[in-house]
Amino acid sequence: MHLKLLAFMLLLCTTGAATAADEESTGLTQGSFRVGGSLRLESFENETNAEFEATLGFLPRPYLEPGLILGMTKREGTDVFGKAGASLLWHILPSRSVVPGVGVQLMRTFGYPDISRKDGEFTIGEIFANLEVFVSPSWSVTLRGGYQLWRGEPFDSRGFVFRAGISTFLGAGGR
């Protein structure tokens, strides 16, 4: 199964590289930066949580975007805890106004023991599908669905997540 997933992601990267020479109609151009944010609401185990993530990405190629993420989660009935990490996103058709993509992200929580009264922090891994809809050449709305795994003490958790966000693209490729 892992080999099939790796082969699929390599195929998507190749597809993105082949379309990079197309006309530049979006902010997904070589040398541009993404500044964005997203929101996720979740409800489980009789509580509702709200999560915000801020993203800073760089496009060394129009189809490849490594990024840094800083997030915070507000759990119902408790204070806020934070998350920090990195992501890697492959844009499949970067010159189009609707851009599909796939990616991975790895994050670490901080402040979780303070609000949960439990020892330990969590490492969070996620694989996701991304859909970028450009409303102008340098602004986009992002929809993302993925599978997330929380690993740590005192428990592990996993499940599907969905988030929506907005981004602007600046620099060499942004307009």
Foldseek 3Di string as FASTA:
>chain_A
DVVVVVVVQVVLLVLLVVQQPPDAFALLAAFKKKWKKKWFWDDDPHWIKIKMKTKIWHRNTSFKIKIKIKMWMQIPPWHIKIKIWIKIKGWRNSRDQKTKIKIKIKMKIPPVCVTPVFDKIKIKIKIKIKIWHHPGRFKTKIKIKIKMWIDMPPDIDIDITIMIMMIGMDDPRGD
